[in-house]
Amino acid sequence: MYSHRMRERLLKLRQELEALAAAGAQSAAVVELDQSKVGRLSRMDALQAQAMAQASVQRREAMLRNIDAALQRIDDGDYGLCCDCGDPIDPRRLDFDPTVPRCIDCASKSER
């Protein structure tokens, strides 16, 4: 069944993201600003790396929320139906990104 296959895919994706989050937690830690320990350029590099790590954390958290919402739609029997118009979402769109909640027409309208 399509929903069962997508559930397995979503669960696997969630597991991968959670593993990445555990591995990258230290990268987003606060950068120490003691100039006697770290030079100015090294500190700037560390701040930039921290900002990129924090952005990655935010993207992972958003993706985890999208995964949980898709899993909830599967449980509710609404998976594969557009959350705006109720029409079926093209299976090719779901194969590309199993978390999408909207058909292509409604997604295009919401981006405008």
N, C-alpha and C. Protein backbone atom coordinates (compact mmCIF):
# COMPACT_ATOMS: atom_id res chain seq x y z
N MET A 1 0.85 -1.19 0.00
CA MET A 1 0.00 0.00 0.00
C MET A 1 0.89 1.25 0.00
N TYR A 2 0.45 2.27 -0.72
CA TYR A 2 1.22 3.50 -0.90
C TYR A 2 1.47 4.21 0.44
N SER A 3 0.44 4.33 1.28
CA SER A 3 0.60 5.02 2.56
C SER A 3 1.60 4.30 3.46
N HIS A 4 1.56 2.97 3.42
CA HIS A 4 2.49 2.20 4.25
C HIS A 4 3.94 2.43 3.80
N ARG A 5 4.15 2.43 2.48
CA ARG A 5 5.50 2.68 1.95
C ARG A 5 5.97 4.08 2.32
N MET A 6 5.08 5.05 2.24
CA MET A 6 5.45 6.43 2.58
C MET A 6 5.71 6.57 4.08
N ARG A 7 4.93 5.87 4.90
CA ARG A 7 5.17 5.91 6.35
C ARG A 7 6.58 5.41 6.65
N GLU A 8 6.96 4.29 6.04
CA GLU A 8 8.29 3.74 6.25
C GLU A 8 9.37 4.72 5.80
N ARG A 9 9.14 5.35 4.68
CA ARG A 9 10.10 6.33 4.17
C ARG A 9 10.22 7.54 5.11
N LEU A 10 9.09 8.02 5.59
CA LEU A 10 9.08 9.16 6.51
C LEU A 10 9.76 8.82 7.83
N LEU A 11 9.50 7.62 8.35
CA LEU A 11 10.13 7.20 9.60
C LEU A 11 11.64 7.08 9.44
N LYS A 12 12.08 6.56 8.31
CA LYS A 12 13.51 6.43 8.04
C LYS A 12 14.15 7.82 7.94
N LEU A 13 13.48 8.73 7.26
CA LEU A 13 13.98 10.10 7.12
C LEU A 13 14.08 10.77 8.49
N ARG A 14 13.06 10.58 9.32
CA ARG A 14 13.09 11.16 10.67
C ARG A 14 14.28 10.61 11.46
N GLN A 15 14.50 9.31 11.37
CA GLN A 15 15.60 8.68 12.09
C GLN A 15 16.95 9.26 11.62
N GLU A 16 17.11 9.45 10.32
CA GLU A 16 18.35 10.02 9.78
C GLU A 16 18.56 11.45 10.27
N LEU A 17 17.49 12.24 10.29
CA LEU A 17 17.60 13.63 10.75
C LEU A 17 17.92 13.69 12.23
N GLU A 18 17.33 12.81 13.02
CA GLU A 18 17.62 12.79 14.45
C GLU A 18 19.07 12.37 14.71
N ALA A 19 19.60 11.46 13.91
CA ALA A 19 21.00 11.06 14.04
C ALA A 19 21.92 12.23 13.68
N LEU A 20 21.58 12.97 12.62
CA LEU A 20 22.35 14.15 12.25
C LEU A 20 22.31 15.20 13.35
N ALA A 21 21.15 15.38 13.95
CA ALA A 21 21.01 16.37 15.02
C ALA A 21 21.90 16.00 16.20
N ALA A 22 21.94 14.74 16.55
CA ALA A 22 22.77 14.29 17.67
C ALA A 22 24.25 14.50 17.36
N ALA A 23 24.64 14.23 16.13
CA ALA A 23 26.04 14.36 15.73
C ALA A 23 26.48 15.82 15.64
N GLY A 24 25.57 16.70 15.24
CA GLY A 24 25.94 18.10 15.01
C GLY A 24 25.62 19.04 16.15
N ALA A 25 25.20 18.53 17.28
CA ALA A 25 24.78 19.40 18.38
C ALA A 25 25.90 20.30 18.87
N GLN A 26 27.12 19.81 18.87
CA GLN A 26 28.24 20.59 19.38
C GLN A 26 28.59 21.75 18.45
N SER A 27 28.34 21.64 17.17
CA SER A 27 28.68 22.68 16.21
C SER A 27 27.89 23.96 16.45
N ALA A 28 26.69 23.84 16.99
CA ALA A 28 25.85 25.01 17.20
C ALA A 28 26.04 25.62 18.59
N ALA A 29 26.99 25.09 19.34
CA ALA A 29 27.23 25.59 20.70
C ALA A 29 27.74 27.03 20.64
N VAL A 30 27.62 27.74 21.76
CA VAL A 30 28.04 29.13 21.84
C VAL A 30 29.55 29.23 21.66
N VAL A 31 29.97 30.18 20.85
CA VAL A 31 31.39 30.40 20.60
C VAL A 31 31.96 31.26 21.72
N GLU A 32 33.09 30.80 22.26
CA GLU A 32 33.76 31.55 23.33
C GLU A 32 34.47 32.75 22.72
N LEU A 33 34.31 33.92 23.32
CA LEU A 33 34.85 35.15 22.76
C LEU A 33 36.09 35.66 23.48
N ASP A 34 36.82 34.79 24.15
CA ASP A 34 38.04 35.16 24.85
C ASP A 34 39.17 35.33 23.84
N GLN A 35 39.61 36.59 23.62
CA GLN A 35 40.63 36.86 22.61
C GLN A 35 41.99 36.30 22.98
N SER A 36 42.23 36.04 24.27
CA SER A 36 43.52 35.48 24.65
C SER A 36 43.65 34.02 24.24
N LYS A 37 42.53 33.35 23.98
CA LYS A 37 42.55 31.95 23.59
C LYS A 37 42.43 31.75 22.08
N VAL A 38 41.70 32.64 21.41
CA VAL A 38 41.43 32.49 19.99
C VAL A 38 41.69 33.82 19.29
N GLY A 39 42.37 33.77 18.16
CA GLY A 39 42.62 34.99 17.39
C GLY A 39 41.34 35.52 16.78
N ARG A 40 41.40 36.77 16.32
CA ARG A 40 40.21 37.44 15.78
C ARG A 40 39.64 36.70 14.57
N LEU A 41 40.50 36.33 13.62
CA LEU A 41 40.00 35.65 12.42
C LEU A 41 39.46 34.26 12.76
N SER A 42 40.12 33.57 13.64
CA SER A 42 39.64 32.25 14.06
C SER A 42 38.28 32.37 14.74
N ARG A 43 38.13 33.42 15.53
CA ARG A 43 36.87 33.65 16.23
C ARG A 43 35.76 33.97 15.22
N MET A 44 36.10 34.75 14.19
CA MET A 44 35.11 35.08 13.16
C MET A 44 34.72 33.83 12.38
N ASP A 45 35.70 32.99 12.08
CA ASP A 45 35.39 31.72 11.42
C ASP A 45 34.49 30.86 12.29
N ALA A 46 34.79 30.83 13.59
CA ALA A 46 33.98 30.03 14.51
C ALA A 46 32.55 30.56 14.59
N LEU A 47 32.40 31.90 14.59
CA LEU A 47 31.06 32.50 14.63
C LEU A 47 30.29 32.17 13.36
N GLN A 48 30.98 32.21 12.21
CA GLN A 48 30.32 31.88 10.95
C GLN A 48 29.91 30.40 10.94
N ALA A 49 30.78 29.54 11.40
CA ALA A 49 30.46 28.11 11.46
C ALA A 49 29.29 27.87 12.40
N GLN A 50 29.27 28.61 13.52
CA GLN A 50 28.17 28.47 14.47
C GLN A 50 26.85 28.90 13.82
N ALA A 51 26.86 30.01 13.10
CA ALA A 51 25.64 30.50 12.44
C ALA A 51 25.14 29.49 11.41
N MET A 52 26.06 28.89 10.66
CA MET A 52 25.65 27.89 9.67
C MET A 52 25.10 26.65 10.36
N ALA A 53 25.71 26.26 11.47
CA ALA A 53 25.23 25.09 12.21
C ALA A 53 23.84 25.36 12.79
N GLN A 54 23.63 26.57 13.29
CA GLN A 54 22.31 26.92 13.83
C GLN A 54 21.25 26.93 12.73
N ALA A 55 21.60 27.40 11.55
CA ALA A 55 20.66 27.39 10.42
C ALA A 55 20.34 25.95 10.04
N SER A 56 21.33 25.07 10.08
CA SER A 56 21.08 23.65 9.79
C SER A 56 20.15 23.04 10.82
N VAL A 57 20.33 23.40 12.06
CA VAL A 57 19.45 22.91 13.13
C VAL A 57 18.01 23.36 12.87
N GLN A 58 17.85 24.61 12.50
CA GLN A 58 16.50 25.13 12.23
C GLN A 58 15.86 24.42 11.04
N ARG A 59 16.65 24.15 9.99
CA ARG A 59 16.11 23.43 8.83
C ARG A 59 15.73 22.00 9.22
N ARG A 60 16.57 21.35 10.03
CA ARG A 60 16.25 19.99 10.47
C ARG A 60 14.99 19.97 11.32
N GLU A 61 14.85 20.94 12.22
CA GLU A 61 13.65 21.01 13.06
C GLU A 61 12.39 21.23 12.23
N ALA A 62 12.49 22.08 11.22
CA ALA A 62 11.34 22.32 10.33
C ALA A 62 11.00 21.05 9.57
N MET A 63 12.01 20.35 9.09
CA MET A 63 11.77 19.11 8.35
C MET A 63 11.15 18.06 9.27
N LEU A 64 11.61 17.98 10.52
CA LEU A 64 11.01 17.02 11.47
C LEU A 64 9.54 17.36 11.73
N ARG A 65 9.22 18.65 11.82
CA ARG A 65 7.81 19.04 11.98
C ARG A 65 7.00 18.63 10.76
N ASN A 66 7.57 18.81 9.56
CA ASN A 66 6.88 18.42 8.33
C ASN A 66 6.67 16.91 8.28
N ILE A 67 7.66 16.16 8.71
CA ILE A 67 7.55 14.69 8.75
C ILE A 67 6.44 14.28 9.70
N ASP A 68 6.44 14.87 10.90
CA ASP A 68 5.40 14.53 11.89
C ASP A 68 4.01 14.88 11.37
N ALA A 69 3.90 16.01 10.66
CA ALA A 69 2.60 16.40 10.10
C ALA A 69 2.17 15.40 9.02
N ALA A 70 3.10 14.95 8.19
CA ALA A 70 2.77 13.97 7.15
C ALA A 70 2.36 12.64 7.78
N LEU A 71 3.06 12.23 8.83
CA LEU A 71 2.69 10.99 9.53
C LEU A 71 1.29 11.11 10.13
N GLN A 72 0.97 12.29 10.65
CA GLN A 72 -0.36 12.52 11.21
C GLN A 72 -1.42 12.44 10.12
N ARG A 73 -1.12 12.99 8.94
CA ARG A 73 -2.07 12.90 7.82
C ARG A 73 -2.29 11.45 7.40
N ILE A 74 -1.23 10.64 7.46
CA ILE A 74 -1.38 9.21 7.16
C ILE A 74 -2.32 8.57 8.18
N ASP A 75 -2.09 8.87 9.47
CA ASP A 75 -2.94 8.32 10.54
C ASP A 75 -4.39 8.76 10.39
N ASP A 76 -4.58 9.99 9.96
CA ASP A 76 -5.94 10.54 9.80
C ASP A 76 -6.61 10.10 8.51
N GLY A 77 -5.85 9.46 7.61
CA GLY A 77 -6.40 9.05 6.33
C GLY A 77 -6.45 10.16 5.30
N ASP A 78 -5.75 11.26 5.56
CA ASP A 78 -5.75 12.41 4.66
C ASP A 78 -4.48 12.52 3.82
N TYR A 79 -3.56 11.57 3.98
CA TYR A 79 -2.29 11.66 3.27
C TYR A 79 -2.53 11.55 1.76
N GLY A 80 -1.85 12.43 1.02
CA GLY A 80 -2.00 12.43 -0.42
C GLY A 80 -3.10 13.34 -0.92
N LEU A 81 -3.81 13.97 0.02
CA LEU A 81 -4.85 14.93 -0.34
C LEU A 81 -4.37 16.32 0.04
N CYS A 82 -4.59 17.28 -0.84
CA CYS A 82 -4.18 18.66 -0.60
C CYS A 82 -4.90 19.20 0.64
N CYS A 83 -4.15 19.83 1.53
CA CYS A 83 -4.74 20.38 2.75
C CYS A 83 -5.57 21.63 2.47
N ASP A 84 -5.41 22.23 1.29
CA ASP A 84 -6.19 23.43 0.94
C ASP A 84 -7.45 23.09 0.16
N CYS A 85 -7.30 22.37 -0.94
CA CYS A 85 -8.46 22.12 -1.82
C CYS A 85 -9.03 20.71 -1.69
N GLY A 86 -8.28 19.78 -1.10
CA GLY A 86 -8.77 18.42 -0.91
C GLY A 86 -8.57 17.51 -2.11
N ASP A 87 -8.02 18.05 -3.20
CA ASP A 87 -7.75 17.22 -4.38
C ASP A 87 -6.53 16.34 -4.12
N PRO A 88 -6.43 15.23 -4.84
CA PRO A 88 -5.26 14.36 -4.69
C PRO A 88 -3.98 15.08 -5.12
N ILE A 89 -2.91 14.83 -4.39
CA ILE A 89 -1.58 15.35 -4.74
C ILE A 89 -0.96 14.34 -5.70
N ASP A 90 -0.36 14.83 -6.75
CA ASP A 90 0.28 13.97 -7.74
C ASP A 90 1.29 13.05 -7.03
N PRO A 91 1.19 11.74 -7.21
CA PRO A 91 2.12 10.81 -6.56
C PRO A 91 3.59 11.10 -6.88
N ARG A 92 3.87 11.64 -8.05
CA ARG A 92 5.25 12.01 -8.38
C ARG A 92 5.75 13.11 -7.46
N ARG A 93 4.86 14.01 -7.08
CA ARG A 93 5.22 15.10 -6.15
C ARG A 93 5.51 14.51 -4.77
N LEU A 94 4.69 13.57 -4.35
CA LEU A 94 4.92 12.91 -3.06
C LEU A 94 6.16 12.04 -3.07
N ASP A 95 6.46 11.42 -4.20
CA ASP A 95 7.68 10.63 -4.31
C ASP A 95 8.91 11.52 -4.17
N PHE A 96 8.83 12.72 -4.72
CA PHE A 96 9.94 13.67 -4.63
C PHE A 96 10.10 14.17 -3.19
N ASP A 97 9.00 14.55 -2.56
CA ASP A 97 9.01 15.03 -1.17
C ASP A 97 7.76 14.50 -0.47
N PRO A 98 7.91 13.45 0.33
CA PRO A 98 6.74 12.84 0.96
C PRO A 98 6.07 13.69 2.04
N THR A 99 6.63 14.86 2.32
CA THR A 99 6.05 15.72 3.36
C THR A 99 5.14 16.81 2.81
N VAL A 100 5.06 16.95 1.47
CA VAL A 100 4.28 18.07 0.93
C VAL A 100 2.80 17.95 1.30
N PRO A 101 2.22 19.05 1.77
CA PRO A 101 0.80 19.02 2.17
C PRO A 101 -0.14 19.56 1.10
N ARG A 102 0.41 20.13 0.01
CA ARG A 102 -0.44 20.79 -0.98
C ARG A 102 -0.17 20.26 -2.39
N CYS A 103 -1.21 20.32 -3.21
CA CYS A 103 -1.05 20.02 -4.63
C CYS A 103 -0.24 21.15 -5.25
N ILE A 104 0.23 20.93 -6.45
CA ILE A 104 1.09 21.93 -7.10
C ILE A 104 0.37 23.26 -7.32
N ASP A 105 -0.94 23.21 -7.64
CA ASP A 105 -1.68 24.46 -7.87
C ASP A 105 -1.79 25.28 -6.59
N CYS A 106 -2.16 24.64 -5.49
CA CYS A 106 -2.30 25.36 -4.22
C CYS A 106 -0.94 25.81 -3.67
N ALA A 107 0.09 25.00 -3.88
CA ALA A 107 1.44 25.40 -3.45
C ALA A 107 1.88 26.64 -4.22
N SER A 108 1.58 26.67 -5.52
CA SER A 108 1.94 27.84 -6.32
C SER A 108 1.20 29.08 -5.84
N LYS A 109 -0.07 28.92 -5.52
CA LYS A 109 -0.87 30.06 -5.04
C LYS A 109 -0.35 30.56 -3.69
N SER A 110 0.05 29.66 -2.80
CA SER A 110 0.49 30.08 -1.47
C SER A 110 1.86 30.75 -1.50
N GLU A 111 2.65 30.47 -2.56
CA GLU A 111 3.97 31.10 -2.67
C GLU A 111 3.91 32.51 -3.23
N ARG A 112 2.80 32.87 -3.82
CA ARG A 112 2.67 34.22 -4.40
C ARG A 112 2.43 35.25 -3.39
